[in-house]
């Protein structure tokens, strides 16, 4: 048997298009370009168009959602804007329409009646943050009461992105006050800020009661009277009211009991009459 070297395939045996002839539906240029790409080991799968428009839309959607979650408004709480008319005291402001806002979840020392230590400084700080004409956003907390017994609106006050309630606590001008133990949306932040301010001795924490101001979130602030004497002597310097209590408890040479006083009192000093039997900062609470 003779052996023959394979010769070139006949025209009928050649693969379609292998002689450079045009395949149905293809141009010679497209076919040759395709072959060159494959020869260069480039993936011969159809090239998918970039999804830039969809990716951009998804990124924009995520950014919008993230911004919404960071919005400082309290979920489901009533929110409105207003303009500051004046500051009543450290934790109370009045809007131009006459609405009185009590900054919720905090308490500052008193400036009316028996002025408490650091009361004037706290009011001055609030006045510096919220001068007349300042635009603010007022937000109630769905977990808390909308109004107090005096008809004041209980709310958070925002100046831009700054929560004024929290700022006052951070700077030591206010303490946490969770009335009846109720904790709102920012209670954890407010308490944490108070602990830090107390540790650093900022504001009232370092200025009043020789650094021993109690931190009692259910009772509010107790900084003591301005320039309180270290020891109260019967018939002391005040001709009518004992400076260790608010509202007024008369000075007396004899010991006073709650029936003698006849109304609830807040202890702001040393409690010489022992009206605060449970040590919570308040006395004669059943009256």
Foldseek 3Di string as FASTA:
>chain_A
DDDDDDDDDDPVPDDPCPVVDDDPPDDSVVVVVLVVCVVVVHDSDDDDDDPVVVVVVVVVVVVVVVVVVPPPAAPPWDKDKFWFAAQPWLQWTATPVGAIEGAPQKAFFDDPAQGFPLRRVSRVVVCVVHPGGQMWMWTAFPQDDQADPVGHGHTFIGRDPDTSRQVCLLQARIAGACAVVGDTPCNVSRNVSNVVCLVVLGRLCCRAPNNPWDRDRHQTGQRFGVPQDQDDAQCDDDNFADRQKPPGDGGHNDADELVNRVAKIFGNHDPPNCQPVPPPRIGSHVD
